[in-house]
Protein backbone atom coordinates (compact mmCIF):
# COMPACT_ATOMS: atom_id res chain seq x y z
CA MET A 1 -28.86 14.72 -47.14
CA THR A 2 -25.30 15.92 -47.55
CA GLN A 3 -23.96 19.17 -46.25
CA SER A 4 -22.23 21.59 -48.54
CA PRO A 5 -18.50 21.99 -48.01
CA PRO A 6 -17.35 24.99 -45.99
CA PRO A 7 -16.26 28.09 -47.94
CA ASP A 8 -12.66 28.16 -49.13
CA GLY A 9 -11.56 31.14 -47.09
CA PRO A 10 -12.49 33.06 -43.98
CA ARG A 11 -15.80 34.84 -44.03
CA MET A 12 -16.64 38.19 -42.54
CA GLY A 13 -19.69 38.17 -40.31
CA PRO A 14 -21.59 40.88 -38.49
CA THR A 15 -19.87 42.65 -35.63
CA ARG A 16 -20.55 40.92 -32.34
CA ILE A 17 -21.82 43.07 -29.51
CA SER A 18 -19.93 40.86 -27.06
CA THR A 19 -16.64 41.73 -28.79
CA LEU A 20 -17.38 45.43 -28.43
CA VAL A 21 -18.38 45.10 -24.77
CA VAL A 22 -15.26 43.10 -23.86
CA THR A 23 -13.08 45.61 -25.74
CA ALA A 24 -14.68 48.54 -23.93
CA LEU A 25 -14.37 46.89 -20.52
CA ALA A 26 -10.72 45.97 -21.07
CA THR A 27 -9.92 49.49 -22.25
CA ALA A 28 -11.78 51.01 -19.30
CA ALA A 29 -9.74 48.92 -16.87
CA ALA A 30 -6.50 49.82 -18.63
CA ALA A 31 -7.40 53.52 -18.66
CA TRP A 32 -8.25 53.49 -14.96
CA LEU A 33 -4.97 51.76 -14.09
CA LEU A 34 -2.86 54.02 -16.28
CA ILE A 35 -4.44 57.23 -15.07
CA SER A 36 -4.36 56.24 -11.40
CA SER A 37 -0.73 55.06 -11.59
CA LEU A 38 0.44 58.21 -13.37
CA TYR A 39 0.39 61.60 -11.78
CA TYR A 40 -2.86 63.01 -13.09
CA ASN A 41 -2.06 66.53 -11.89
CA ARG A 42 0.91 66.66 -14.29
CA MET A 43 -1.23 65.86 -17.32
CA PRO A 44 -2.58 68.69 -19.52
CA ALA A 45 -6.29 69.47 -19.61
CA LEU A 46 -8.44 66.99 -21.50
CA PRO A 47 -8.78 68.14 -25.15
CA TRP A 48 -12.12 68.57 -26.91
CA LEU A 49 -10.88 67.76 -30.43
CA PRO A 50 -11.27 63.95 -30.07
CA VAL A 51 -14.82 64.47 -28.80
CA ILE A 52 -15.71 66.63 -31.81
CA THR A 53 -14.07 64.13 -34.17
CA LEU A 54 -15.93 61.15 -32.69
CA ALA A 55 -19.24 63.01 -32.80
CA GLY A 56 -18.62 64.11 -36.39
CA LEU A 57 -17.86 60.55 -37.45
CA ALA A 58 -21.03 59.34 -35.74
CA VAL A 59 -23.12 61.89 -37.65
CA LEU A 60 -21.48 61.02 -40.98
CA GLU A 61 -21.97 57.29 -40.48
CA ALA A 62 -25.59 57.77 -39.45
CA TYR A 63 -26.16 59.78 -42.64
CA ALA A 64 -24.41 57.08 -44.69
CA ALA A 65 -26.65 54.45 -43.06
CA ILE A 66 -29.83 56.31 -44.01
CA ASN A 67 -28.63 57.00 -47.55
CA THR A 68 -27.30 53.50 -48.17
CA ARG A 69 -30.43 51.77 -46.88
CA GLY A 70 -32.57 53.89 -49.18
CA ARG A 71 -30.38 53.09 -52.17
CA ILE A 72 -30.30 49.36 -51.43
CA GLU A 73 -34.10 49.29 -51.09
CA ARG A 74 -34.33 51.27 -54.37
CA ARG A 75 -36.52 53.99 -52.97
CA PRO A 76 -37.84 56.50 -55.51
CA GLY A 77 -35.46 59.34 -56.27
CA ARG A 78 -32.37 57.44 -55.13
CA ASP A 79 -29.55 56.37 -57.42
CA PRO A 80 -28.74 52.67 -57.68
CA VAL A 81 -26.27 51.40 -55.13
CA ASN A 82 -22.63 50.79 -56.01
CA PRO A 83 -21.66 47.38 -54.55
CA LEU A 84 -18.04 48.43 -54.03
CA MET A 85 -19.17 51.46 -52.03
CA VAL A 86 -21.33 49.24 -49.84
CA ALA A 87 -18.38 46.92 -49.21
CA ARG A 88 -16.27 49.91 -48.20
CA PHE A 89 -19.03 51.11 -45.88
CA VAL A 90 -19.14 47.69 -44.20
CA VAL A 91 -15.39 47.80 -43.59
CA LEU A 92 -15.68 51.37 -42.30
CA ALA A 93 -18.54 50.38 -40.01
CA LYS A 94 -16.71 47.39 -38.56
CA ALA A 95 -13.56 49.44 -37.92
CA SER A 96 -15.52 52.36 -36.48
CA ALA A 97 -17.45 50.12 -34.12
CA LEU A 98 -14.22 48.71 -32.71
CA VAL A 99 -12.53 52.12 -32.46
CA GLY A 100 -15.67 53.56 -30.86
CA ALA A 101 -15.66 50.74 -28.30
CA ILE A 102 -12.00 51.44 -27.49
CA PHE A 103 -12.67 55.15 -27.02
CA ALA A 104 -15.85 54.44 -25.04
CA GLY A 105 -13.87 52.21 -22.71
CA PHE A 106 -11.14 54.81 -22.33
CA TYR A 107 -13.59 57.61 -21.62
CA ALA A 108 -15.61 55.40 -19.26
CA GLY A 109 -12.49 54.55 -17.24
CA LEU A 110 -11.39 58.17 -17.26
CA THR A 111 -14.85 59.46 -16.31
CA GLY A 112 -15.12 56.97 -13.46
CA TRP A 113 -11.73 57.97 -12.14
CA LEU A 114 -12.51 61.70 -12.47
CA PHE A 115 -15.68 61.33 -10.40
CA VAL A 116 -13.70 59.68 -7.61
CA GLN A 117 -11.20 62.55 -7.51
CA THR A 118 -12.00 65.79 -5.73
CA THR A 119 -9.35 68.02 -7.32
CA ARG A 120 -10.19 71.11 -9.29
CA ALA A 121 -8.44 69.73 -12.40
CA ALA A 122 -10.60 66.60 -12.27
CA GLY A 123 -13.73 68.73 -12.03
CA GLU A 124 -12.65 70.75 -15.06
CA ASP A 125 -12.01 67.60 -17.12
CA ARG A 126 -15.33 65.91 -16.31
CA PRO A 127 -17.41 67.63 -19.04
CA ALA A 128 -14.93 66.65 -21.78
CA ALA A 129 -14.74 63.08 -20.45
CA ILE A 130 -18.53 62.70 -20.32
CA ALA A 131 -18.90 64.22 -23.80
CA GLY A 132 -16.19 61.86 -25.08
CA LEU A 133 -18.02 58.88 -23.61
CA LEU A 134 -21.31 59.95 -25.22
CA ALA A 135 -19.66 60.64 -28.60
CA SER A 136 -17.92 57.24 -28.50
CA VAL A 137 -21.16 55.42 -27.74
CA ALA A 138 -22.85 57.38 -30.54
CA LEU A 139 -20.09 56.29 -32.94
CA VAL A 140 -20.56 52.64 -31.98
CA ALA A 141 -24.32 52.93 -32.48
CA ALA A 142 -23.94 54.69 -35.84
CA ALA A 143 -21.36 52.14 -37.01
CA LEU A 144 -23.60 49.21 -36.10
CA TRP A 145 -26.51 50.93 -37.85
CA LEU A 146 -24.39 51.49 -40.98
CA GLU A 147 -23.29 47.86 -40.96
CA ARG A 148 -26.89 46.70 -40.66
CA SER A 149 -28.00 49.11 -43.39
CA CYS A 150 -25.56 47.53 -45.84
CA ARG A 151 -27.27 44.14 -45.66
CA VAL A 152 -29.14 42.96 -48.71
CA PRO A 153 -32.85 42.68 -47.89
CA GLU A 154 -34.38 39.23 -48.10
CA ARG A 155 -36.63 38.67 -51.08
CA PRO A 156 -40.16 37.38 -50.61
CA GLU A 157 -40.59 33.64 -51.19
CA ASP A 158 -42.46 34.14 -54.46
CA GLU A 159 -39.49 36.04 -55.95
CA GLN A 160 -36.73 33.65 -54.89
CA GLU A 161 -34.92 31.54 -57.45
CA PRO A 162 -35.65 27.81 -57.49
CA ASP A 163 -33.48 25.57 -55.35
CA ASP A 164 -30.49 23.84 -56.99
CA ARG A 165 -32.17 20.44 -56.54
CA GLU A 166 -35.29 21.64 -58.36
CA THR A 167 -33.33 22.78 -61.43
CA ARG A 168 -31.38 19.51 -61.78
CA PRO A 169 -33.74 16.56 -61.45
CA GLY A 170 -32.16 13.22 -60.62
CA ARG A 171 -29.33 14.75 -58.51
CA ARG A 172 -29.47 14.61 -54.74
């Protein structure tokens, strides 16, 4: 039994949860160090626009996941899937998962630091930091869902094509 040669080029695999966790932890540590070493009181109030943007992206990617899965499974009333669109969604999902992990780490480090501080400015920034953390986690979840929704479903055994060895007798 011989093994087939490896593919010619690099292959893209599913996003690893461990990569996202390590990215978030590293970003959280960096955020904590940067915020604690800088003078926090001199910084402006935490903006809400990134939170709204992250939440909006999470909603759009969750919608794309639902729609794409239905089109791949050829549910009634759905148009056929465009393979190029699915490939673009996979790239979007992989990038969004990583960006969401970076933002989640940043907001986690910031939120942790804000709960340690007793200043009025820290208390005013806590809601935006918590909302940013939740929106970032929602983006990671939606991105992973979109990536999983773009997978081609496995066919039942009775529908699969015959093995290469079965179609060419005498070759091993």
